[in-house]
Amino acid sequence: MTQTAIKQVRVTGRVQGVAFRAWTRAEAARLGLTGWVMNRGDGAVLAHLEGPREAVEAMLTLMWQGPGAARVQDVQAEDVAAEPGLSGFTIRH
């Protein structure tokens, strides 16, 4: 049985204005994750990831790179509760 992981992730650095949210949505969908990603007013990107532990861990590794124009300084992830009613992976505004 596959273990499920649920993480809230805060990514800092040059992560806004570089297609980080669209890239995150595409990579998360490719990995079969559900959740969302959004820009924060402080310049960070916040994401909620739910899925098989291996896929969530793979996404966390990818988030250290980001899309080509991004310059990631830090990726902080913490365990959180599941969000009921999530379907797919979306960009929140």
PDB file of N, CA and C in Angstrom:
ATOM      1  N   MET A   1       0.842  -1.189   0.000  1.00  0.00           N
ATOM      2  CA  MET A   1       0.000   0.000   0.000  1.00  0.00           C
ATOM      3  C   MET A   1       0.882   1.246   0.000  1.00  0.00           C
ATOM      4  N   THR A   2       0.554   2.174  -0.866  1.00  0.00           N
ATOM      5  CA  THR A   2       1.331   3.399  -0.989  1.00  0.00           C
ATOM      6  C   THR A   2       0.936   4.388   0.100  1.00  0.00           C
ATOM      7  N   GLN A   3       1.932   4.954   0.740  1.00  0.00           N
ATOM      8  CA  GLN A   3       1.655   5.969   1.757  1.00  0.00           C
ATOM      9  C   GLN A   3       1.391   7.308   1.085  1.00  0.00           C
ATOM     10  N   THR A   4       0.438   8.040   1.628  1.00  0.00           N
ATOM     11  CA  THR A   4       0.107   9.359   1.118  1.00  0.00           C
ATOM     12  C   THR A   4       0.855  10.416   1.918  1.00  0.00           C
ATOM     13  N   ALA A   5       1.322  11.427   1.217  1.00  0.00           N
ATOM     14  CA  ALA A   5       1.967  12.566   1.868  1.00  0.00           C
ATOM     15  C   ALA A   5       1.165  13.817   1.547  1.00  0.00           C
ATOM     16  N   ILE A   6       1.101  14.707   2.511  1.00  0.00           N
ATOM     17  CA  ILE A   6       0.411  15.987   2.332  1.00  0.00           C
ATOM     18  C   ILE A   6       1.344  17.056   2.872  1.00  0.00           C
ATOM     19  N   LYS A   7       1.759  17.966   2.006  1.00  0.00           N
ATOM     20  CA  LYS A   7       2.734  18.984   2.392  1.00  0.00           C
ATOM     21  C   LYS A   7       2.275  20.375   1.965  1.00  0.00           C
ATOM     22  N   GLN A   8       2.584  21.339   2.800  1.00  0.00           N
ATOM     23  CA  GLN A   8       2.502  22.742   2.393  1.00  0.00           C
ATOM     24  C   GLN A   8       3.942  23.190   2.183  1.00  0.00           C
ATOM     25  N   VAL A   9       4.180  23.825   1.058  1.00  0.00           N
ATOM     26  CA  VAL A   9       5.535  24.160   0.649  1.00  0.00           C
ATOM     27  C   VAL A   9       5.638  25.659   0.387  1.00  0.00           C
ATOM     28  N   ARG A  10       6.689  26.271   0.920  1.00  0.00           N
ATOM     29  CA  ARG A  10       6.976  27.693   0.682  1.00  0.00           C
ATOM     30  C   ARG A  10       8.318  27.773  -0.026  1.00  0.00           C
ATOM     31  N   VAL A  11       8.305  28.363  -1.226  1.00  0.00           N
ATOM     32  CA  VAL A  11       9.505  28.469  -2.045  1.00  0.00           C
ATOM     33  C   VAL A  11       9.881  29.942  -2.143  1.00  0.00           C
ATOM     34  N   THR A  12      11.141  30.254  -1.849  1.00  0.00           N
ATOM     35  CA  THR A  12      11.602  31.638  -1.905  1.00  0.00           C
ATOM     36  C   THR A  12      12.760  31.769  -2.886  1.00  0.00           C
ATOM     37  N   GLY A  13      13.016  33.005  -3.261  1.00  0.00           N
ATOM     38  CA  GLY A  13      14.036  33.328  -4.252  1.00  0.00           C
ATOM     39  C   GLY A  13      13.376  34.096  -5.381  1.00  0.00           C
ATOM     40  N   ARG A  14      13.938  33.978  -6.582  1.00  0.00           N
ATOM     41  CA  ARG A  14      13.281  34.594  -7.745  1.00  0.00           C
ATOM     42  C   ARG A  14      12.311  33.559  -8.295  1.00  0.00           C
ATOM     43  N   VAL A  15      11.091  33.575  -7.743  1.00  0.00           N
ATOM     44  CA  VAL A  15      10.107  32.547  -8.085  1.00  0.00           C
ATOM     45  C   VAL A  15       8.779  33.141  -8.570  1.00  0.00           C
ATOM     46  N   GLN A  16       8.688  34.456  -8.653  1.00  0.00           N
ATOM     47  CA  GLN A  16       7.508  35.093  -9.229  1.00  0.00           C
ATOM     48  C   GLN A  16       7.922  35.795 -10.518  1.00  0.00           C
ATOM     49  N   GLY A  17       7.022  35.748 -11.511  1.00  0.00           N
ATOM     50  CA  GLY A  17       7.320  36.360 -12.794  1.00  0.00           C
ATOM     51  C   GLY A  17       8.223  35.506 -13.668  1.00  0.00           C
ATOM     52  N   VAL A  18       8.384  34.238 -13.299  1.00  0.00           N
ATOM     53  CA  VAL A  18       9.254  33.321 -14.058  1.00  0.00           C
ATOM     54  C   VAL A  18       8.510  32.030 -14.428  1.00  0.00           C
ATOM     55  N   ALA A  19       7.182  32.066 -14.415  1.00  0.00           N
ATOM     56  CA  ALA A  19       6.315  30.919 -14.758  1.00  0.00           C
ATOM     57  C   ALA A  19       6.428  29.773 -13.756  1.00  0.00           C
ATOM     58  N   PHE A  20       6.785  30.092 -12.511  1.00  0.00           N
ATOM     59  CA  PHE A  20       6.937  29.038 -11.499  1.00  0.00           C
ATOM     60  C   PHE A  20       5.609  28.333 -11.226  1.00  0.00           C
ATOM     61  N   ARG A  21       4.512  29.090 -11.168  1.00  0.00           N
ATOM     62  CA  ARG A  21       3.217  28.457 -10.872  1.00  0.00           C
ATOM     63  C   ARG A  21       2.795  27.517 -11.994  1.00  0.00           C
ATOM     64  N   ALA A  22       2.903  27.953 -13.243  1.00  0.00           N
ATOM     65  CA  ALA A  22       2.522  27.100 -14.376  1.00  0.00           C
ATOM     66  C   ALA A  22       3.416  25.864 -14.441  1.00  0.00           C
ATOM     67  N   TRP A  23       4.697  26.046 -14.192  1.00  0.00           N
ATOM     68  CA  TRP A  23       5.633  24.926 -14.180  1.00  0.00           C
ATOM     69  C   TRP A  23       5.272  23.934 -13.064  1.00  0.00           C
ATOM     70  N   THR A  24       4.951  24.461 -11.885  1.00  0.00           N
ATOM     71  CA  THR A  24       4.573  23.604 -10.760  1.00  0.00           C
ATOM     72  C   THR A  24       3.322  22.817 -11.091  1.00  0.00           C
ATOM     73  N   ARG A  25       2.332  23.483 -11.673  1.00  0.00           N
ATOM     74  CA  ARG A  25       1.086  22.788 -12.036  1.00  0.00           C
ATOM     75  C   ARG A  25       1.381  21.647 -13.013  1.00  0.00           C
ATOM     76  N   ALA A  26       2.196  21.898 -14.025  1.00  0.00           N
ATOM     77  CA  ALA A  26       2.508  20.872 -15.023  1.00  0.00           C
ATOM     78  C   ALA A  26       3.272  19.703 -14.408  1.00  0.00           C
ATOM     79  N   GLU A  27       4.276  19.988 -13.586  1.00  0.00           N
ATOM     80  CA  GLU A  27       5.067  18.919 -12.961  1.00  0.00           C
ATOM     81  C   GLU A  27       4.228  18.118 -11.970  1.00  0.00           C
ATOM     82  N   ALA A  28       3.404  18.799 -11.186  1.00  0.00           N
ATOM     83  CA  ALA A  28       2.555  18.108 -10.218  1.00  0.00           C
ATOM     84  C   ALA A  28       1.558  17.199 -10.931  1.00  0.00           C
ATOM     85  N   ALA A  29       0.971  17.691 -12.014  1.00  0.00           N
ATOM     86  CA  ALA A  29       0.024  16.872 -12.781  1.00  0.00           C
ATOM     87  C   ALA A  29       0.731  15.656 -13.373  1.00  0.00           C
ATOM     88  N   ARG A  30       1.943  15.853 -13.874  1.00  0.00           N
ATOM     89  CA  ARG A  30       2.719  14.748 -14.443  1.00  0.00           C
ATOM     90  C   ARG A  30       2.987  13.670 -13.383  1.00  0.00           C
ATOM     91  N   LEU A  31       3.198  14.099 -12.145  1.00  0.00           N
ATOM     92  CA  LEU A  31       3.470  13.173 -11.045  1.00  0.00           C
ATOM     93  C   LEU A  31       2.200  12.606 -10.409  1.00  0.00           C
ATOM     94  N   GLY A  32       1.035  13.076 -10.858  1.00  0.00           N
ATOM     95  CA  GLY A  32      -0.228  12.567 -10.326  1.00  0.00           C
ATOM     96  C   GLY A  32      -0.639  13.166  -8.998  1.00  0.00           C
ATOM     97  N   LEU A  33      -0.135  14.365  -8.699  1.00  0.00           N
ATOM     98  CA  LEU A  33      -0.468  15.021  -7.430  1.00  0.00           C
ATOM     99  C   LEU A  33      -1.730  15.856  -7.563  1.00  0.00           C
ATOM    100  N   THR A  34      -2.404  16.064  -6.446  1.00  0.00           N
ATOM    101  CA  THR A  34      -3.482  17.036  -6.382  1.00  0.00           C
ATOM    102  C   THR A  34      -3.030  18.162  -5.472  1.00  0.00           C
ATOM    103  N   GLY A  35      -3.663  19.331  -5.646  1.00  0.00           N
ATOM    104  CA  GLY A  35      -3.326  20.465  -4.801  1.00  0.00           C
ATOM    105  C   GLY A  35      -3.422  21.767  -5.558  1.00  0.00           C
ATOM    106  N   TRP A  36      -2.621  22.730  -5.118  1.00  0.00           N
ATOM    107  CA  TRP A  36      -2.669  24.063  -5.705  1.00  0.00           C
ATOM    108  C   TRP A  36      -1.340  24.770  -5.483  1.00  0.00           C
ATOM    109  N   VAL A  37      -1.173  25.872  -6.225  1.00  0.00           N
ATOM    110  CA  VAL A  37       0.013  26.720  -6.093  1.00  0.00           C
ATOM    111  C   VAL A  37      -0.436  28.166  -6.246  1.00  0.00           C
ATOM    112  N   MET A  38       0.201  29.086  -5.498  1.00  0.00           N
ATOM    113  CA  MET A  38      -0.174  30.498  -5.581  1.00  0.00           C
ATOM    114  C   MET A  38       1.005  31.383  -5.216  1.00  0.00           C
ATOM    115  N   ASN A  39       0.995  32.597  -5.762  1.00  0.00           N
ATOM    116  CA  ASN A  39       1.967  33.612  -5.353  1.00  0.00           C
ATOM    117  C   ASN A  39       1.524  34.212  -4.031  1.00  0.00           C
ATOM    118  N   ARG A  40       2.511  34.565  -3.206  1.00  0.00           N
ATOM    119  CA  ARG A  40       2.225  35.278  -1.960  1.00  0.00           C
ATOM    120  C   ARG A  40       2.684  36.720  -2.107  1.00  0.00           C
ATOM    121  N   GLY A  41       2.109  37.586  -1.322  1.00  0.00           N
ATOM    122  CA  GLY A  41       2.452  38.995  -1.380  1.00  0.00           C
ATOM    123  C   GLY A  41       3.895  39.296  -0.999  1.00  0.00           C
ATOM    124  N   ASP A  42       4.540  38.372  -0.268  1.00  0.00           N
ATOM    125  CA  ASP A  42       5.921  38.596   0.167  1.00  0.00           C
ATOM    126  C   ASP A  42       6.954  38.128  -0.862  1.00  0.00           C
ATOM    127  N   GLY A  43       6.504  37.724  -2.054  1.00  0.00           N
ATOM    128  CA  GLY A  43       7.420  37.289  -3.100  1.00  0.00           C
ATOM    129  C   GLY A  43       7.649  35.789  -3.157  1.00  0.00           C
ATOM    130  N   ALA A  44       7.137  35.061  -2.188  1.00  0.00           N
ATOM    131  CA  ALA A  44       7.291  33.603  -2.166  1.00  0.00           C
ATOM    132  C   ALA A  44       6.180  32.947  -2.991  1.00  0.00           C
ATOM    133  N   VAL A  45       6.351  31.668  -3.263  1.00  0.00           N
ATOM    134  CA  VAL A  45       5.310  30.840  -3.854  1.00  0.00           C
ATOM    135  C   VAL A  45       4.912  29.818  -2.804  1.00  0.00           C
ATOM    136  N   LEU A  46       3.607  29.628  -2.624  1.00  0.00           N
ATOM    137  CA  LEU A  46       3.072  28.669  -1.664  1.00  0.00           C
ATOM    138  C   LEU A  46       2.366  27.565  -2.440  1.00  0.00           C
ATOM    139  N   ALA A  47       2.592  26.320  -2.056  1.00  0.00           N
ATOM    140  CA  ALA A  47       1.943  25.196  -2.729  1.00  0.00           C
ATOM    141  C   ALA A  47       1.423  24.202  -1.705  1.00  0.00           C
ATOM    142  N   HIS A  48       0.364  23.517  -2.082  1.00  0.00           N
ATOM    143  CA  HIS A  48      -0.213  22.434  -1.291  1.00  0.00           C
ATOM    144  C   HIS A  48      -0.142  21.196  -2.168  1.00  0.00           C
ATOM    145  N   LEU A  49       0.564  20.163  -1.694  1.00  0.00           N
ATOM    146  CA  LEU A  49       0.772  18.936  -2.462  1.00  0.00           C
ATOM    147  C   LEU A  49       0.171  17.752  -1.736  1.00  0.00           C
ATOM    148  N   GLU A  50      -0.621  16.954  -2.450  1.00  0.00           N
ATOM    149  CA  GLU A  50      -1.173  15.718  -1.897  1.00  0.00           C
ATOM    150  C   GLU A  50      -0.969  14.602  -2.902  1.00  0.00           C
ATOM    151  N   GLY A  51      -0.490  13.457  -2.413  1.00  0.00           N
ATOM    152  CA  GLY A  51      -0.335  12.310  -3.299  1.00  0.00           C
ATOM    153  C   GLY A  51       0.562  11.259  -2.688  1.00  0.00           C
ATOM    154  N   PRO A  52       0.943  10.266  -3.498  1.00  0.00           N
ATOM    155  CA  PRO A  52       1.844   9.220  -3.005  1.00  0.00           C
ATOM    156  C   PRO A  52       3.145   9.848  -2.496  1.00  0.00           C
ATOM    157  N   ARG A  53       3.631   9.337  -1.377  1.00  0.00           N
ATOM    158  CA  ARG A  53       4.833   9.903  -0.743  1.00  0.00           C
ATOM    159  C   ARG A  53       5.986  10.062  -1.731  1.00  0.00           C
ATOM    160  N   GLU A  54       6.220   9.053  -2.575  1.00  0.00           N
ATOM    161  CA  GLU A  54       7.333   9.126  -3.519  1.00  0.00           C
ATOM    162  C   GLU A  54       7.150  10.279  -4.499  1.00  0.00           C
ATOM    163  N   ALA A  55       5.916  10.504  -4.954  1.00  0.00           N
ATOM    164  CA  ALA A  55       5.646  11.574  -5.908  1.00  0.00           C
ATOM    165  C   ALA A  55       5.801  12.947  -5.244  1.00  0.00           C
ATOM    166  N   VAL A  56       5.340  13.076  -4.006  1.00  0.00           N
ATOM    167  CA  VAL A  56       5.495  14.341  -3.284  1.00  0.00           C
ATOM    168  C   VAL A  56       6.977  14.633  -3.064  1.00  0.00           C
ATOM    169  N   GLU A  57       7.747  13.622  -2.674  1.00  0.00           N
ATOM    170  CA  GLU A  57       9.191  13.818  -2.471  1.00  0.00           C
ATOM    171  C   GLU A  57       9.881  14.211  -3.782  1.00  0.00           C
ATOM    172  N   ALA A  58       9.465  13.588  -4.889  1.00  0.00           N
ATOM    173  CA  ALA A  58      10.030  13.937  -6.201  1.00  0.00           C
ATOM    174  C   ALA A  58       9.719  15.391  -6.545  1.00  0.00           C
ATOM    175  N   MET A  59       8.495  15.837  -6.243  1.00  0.00           N
ATOM    176  CA  MET A  59       8.106  17.222  -6.526  1.00  0.00           C
ATOM    177  C   MET A  59       8.917  18.181  -5.672  1.00  0.00           C
ATOM    178  N   LEU A  60       9.145  17.851  -4.420  1.00  0.00           N
ATOM    179  CA  LEU A  60       9.948  18.717  -3.559  1.00  0.00           C
ATOM    180  C   LEU A  60      11.362  18.861  -4.114  1.00  0.00           C
ATOM    181  N   THR A  61      11.926  17.787  -4.623  1.00  0.00           N
ATOM    182  CA  THR A  61      13.256  17.846  -5.237  1.00  0.00           C
ATOM    183  C   THR A  61      13.232  18.747  -6.464  1.00  0.00           C
ATOM    184  N   LEU A  62      12.204  18.583  -7.310  1.00  0.00           N
ATOM    185  CA  LEU A  62      12.086  19.410  -8.511  1.00  0.00           C
ATOM    186  C   LEU A  62      11.942  20.893  -8.165  1.00  0.00           C
ATOM    187  N   MET A  63      11.241  21.186  -7.081  1.00  0.00           N
ATOM    188  CA  MET A  63      10.997  22.584  -6.712  1.00  0.00           C
ATOM    189  C   MET A  63      12.281  23.322  -6.350  1.00  0.00           C
ATOM    190  N   TRP A  64      13.337  22.610  -5.997  1.00  0.00           N
ATOM    191  CA  TRP A  64      14.629  23.261  -5.749  1.00  0.00           C
ATOM    192  C   TRP A  64      15.215  23.816  -7.049  1.00  0.00           C
ATOM    193  N   GLN A  65      14.791  23.268  -8.199  1.00  0.00           N
ATOM    194  CA  GLN A  65      15.267  23.736  -9.502  1.00  0.00           C
ATOM    195  C   GLN A  65      14.314  24.767 -10.092  1.00  0.00           C
ATOM    196  N   GLY A  66      13.032  24.382 -10.220  1.00  0.00           N
ATOM    197  CA  GLY A  66      12.045  25.260 -10.828  1.00  0.00           C
ATOM    198  C   GLY A  66      12.265  25.392 -12.320  1.00  0.00           C
ATOM    199  N   PRO A  67      11.488  26.266 -12.962  1.00  0.00           N
ATOM    200  CA  PRO A  67      11.681  26.504 -14.394  1.00  0.00           C
ATOM    201  C   PRO A  67      12.991  27.254 -14.635  1.00  0.00           C
ATOM    202  N   GLY A  68      13.385  27.334 -15.896  1.00  0.00           N
ATOM    203  CA  GLY A  68      14.692  27.876 -16.246  1.00  0.00           C
ATOM    204  C   GLY A  68      15.044  29.237 -15.686  1.00  0.00           C
ATOM    205  N   ALA A  69      14.093  30.167 -15.645  1.00  0.00           N
ATOM    206  CA  ALA A  69      14.393  31.531 -15.205  1.00  0.00           C
ATOM    207  C   ALA A  69      14.366  31.691 -13.681  1.00  0.00           C
ATOM    208  N   ALA A  70      13.891  30.682 -12.975  1.00  0.00           N
ATOM    209  CA  ALA A  70      13.782  30.771 -11.514  1.00  0.00           C
ATOM    210  C   ALA A  70      15.162  30.648 -10.866  1.00  0.00           C
ATOM    211  N   ARG A  71      15.288  31.282  -9.706  1.00  0.00           N
ATOM    212  CA  ARG A  71      16.486  31.137  -8.876  1.00  0.00           C
ATOM    213  C   ARG A  71      16.009  30.847  -7.457  1.00  0.00           C
ATOM    214  N   VAL A  72      15.874  29.581  -7.151  1.00  0.00           N
ATOM    215  CA  VAL A  72      15.314  29.156  -5.861  1.00  0.00           C
ATOM    216  C   VAL A  72      16.363  29.303  -4.771  1.00  0.00           C
ATOM    217  N   GLN A  73      15.971  29.971  -3.680  1.00  0.00           N
ATOM    218  CA  GLN A  73      16.857  30.107  -2.524  1.00  0.00           C
ATOM    219  C   GLN A  73      16.539  29.087  -1.446  1.00  0.00           C
ATOM    220  N   ASP A  74      15.243  28.789  -1.255  1.00  0.00           N
ATOM    221  CA  ASP A  74      14.866  27.873  -0.187  1.00  0.00           C
ATOM    222  C   ASP A  74      13.536  27.214  -0.504  1.00  0.00           C
ATOM    223  N   VAL A  75      13.394  25.980  -0.053  1.00  0.00           N
ATOM    224  CA  VAL A  75      12.144  25.232  -0.149  1.00  0.00           C
ATOM    225  C   VAL A  75      11.861  24.683   1.247  1.00  0.00           C
ATOM    226  N   GLN A  76      10.805  25.181   1.864  1.00  0.00           N
ATOM    227  CA  GLN A  76      10.416  24.723   3.204  1.00  0.00           C
ATOM    228  C   GLN A  76       9.110  23.954   3.082  1.00  0.00           C
ATOM    229  N   ALA A  77       9.088  22.719   3.584  1.00  0.00           N
ATOM    230  CA  ALA A  77       7.895  21.880   3.502  1.00  0.00           C
ATOM    231  C   ALA A  77       7.503  21.414   4.894  1.00  0.00           C
ATOM    232  N   GLU A  78       6.206  21.434   5.153  1.00  0.00           N
ATOM    233  CA  GLU A  78       5.706  20.931   6.426  1.00  0.00           C
ATOM    234  C   GLU A  78       4.473  20.072   6.185  1.00  0.00           C
ATOM    235  N   ASP A  79       4.288  19.091   7.051  1.00  0.00           N
ATOM    236  CA  ASP A  79       3.104  18.240   6.987  1.00  0.00           C
ATOM    237  C   ASP A  79       1.882  19.063   7.388  1.00  0.00           C
ATOM    238  N   VAL A  80       0.808  18.893   6.618  1.00  0.00           N
ATOM    239  CA  VAL A  80      -0.456  19.579   6.924  1.00  0.00           C
ATOM    240  C   VAL A  80      -1.604  18.593   6.711  1.00  0.00           C
ATOM    241  N   ALA A  81      -2.790  19.008   7.085  1.00  0.00           N
ATOM    242  CA  ALA A  81      -3.980  18.181   6.896  1.00  0.00           C
ATOM    243  C   ALA A  81      -4.435  18.228   5.439  1.00  0.00           C
ATOM    244  N   ALA A  82      -5.124  17.187   5.036  1.00  0.00           N
ATOM    245  CA  ALA A  82      -5.693  17.139   3.689  1.00  0.00           C
ATOM    246  C   ALA A  82      -6.752  18.221   3.533  1.00  0.00           C
ATOM    247  N   GLU A  83      -6.893  18.715   2.319  1.00  0.00           N
ATOM    248  CA  GLU A  83      -7.954  19.679   2.008  1.00  0.00           C
ATOM    249  C   GLU A  83      -9.058  18.925   1.288  1.00  0.00           C
ATOM    250  N   PRO A  84     -10.236  18.837   1.892  1.00  0.00           N
ATOM    251  CA  PRO A  84     -11.331  18.109   1.251  1.00  0.00           C
ATOM    252  C   PRO A  84     -11.739  18.751  -0.067  1.00  0.00           C
ATOM    253  N   GLY A  85     -12.126  17.923  -1.019  1.00  0.00           N
ATOM    254  CA  GLY A  85     -12.677  18.417  -2.268  1.00  0.00           C
ATOM    255  C   GLY A  85     -11.660  18.821  -3.319  1.00  0.00           C
ATOM    256  N   LEU A  86     -10.378  18.564  -3.099  1.00  0.00           N
ATOM    257  CA  LEU A  86      -9.389  18.915  -4.120  1.00  0.00           C
ATOM    258  C   LEU A  86      -9.556  18.006  -5.330  1.00  0.00           C
ATOM    259  N   SER A  87      -9.430  18.604  -6.504  1.00  0.00           N
ATOM    260  CA  SER A  87      -9.503  17.847  -7.741  1.00  0.00           C
ATOM    261  C   SER A  87      -8.465  18.406  -8.687  1.00  0.00           C
ATOM    262  N   GLY A  88      -7.538  17.579  -9.121  1.00  0.00           N
ATOM    263  CA  GLY A  88      -6.495  18.042 -10.006  1.00  0.00           C
ATOM    264  C   GLY A  88      -5.514  18.946  -9.288  1.00  0.00           C
ATOM    265  N   PHE A  89      -4.775  19.713 -10.076  1.00  0.00           N
ATOM    266  CA  PHE A  89      -3.800  20.656  -9.508  1.00  0.00           C
ATOM    267  C   PHE A  89      -4.047  22.000 -10.150  1.00  0.00           C
ATOM    268  N   THR A  90      -4.297  23.019  -9.330  1.00  0.00           N
ATOM    269  CA  THR A  90      -4.727  24.315  -9.852  1.00  0.00           C
ATOM    270  C   THR A  90      -3.788  25.448  -9.421  1.00  0.00           C
ATOM    271  N   ILE A  91      -3.885  26.536 -10.161  1.00  0.00           N
ATOM    272  CA  ILE A  91      -3.208  27.778  -9.790  1.00  0.00           C
ATOM    273  C   ILE A  91      -4.249  28.651  -9.099  1.00  0.00           C
ATOM    274  N   ARG A  92      -3.949  29.077  -7.901  1.00  0.00           N
ATOM    275  CA  ARG A  92      -4.862  29.983  -7.169  1.00  0.00           C
ATOM    276  C   ARG A  92      -4.360  31.407  -7.306  1.00  0.00           C
ATOM    277  N   HIS A  93      -5.315  32.331  -7.338  1.00  0.00           N
ATOM    278  CA  HIS A  93      -4.972  33.753  -7.471  1.00  0.00           C
ATOM    279  C   HIS A  93      -5.379  34.516  -6.234  1.00  0.00           C
TER     280      HIS A  93
END
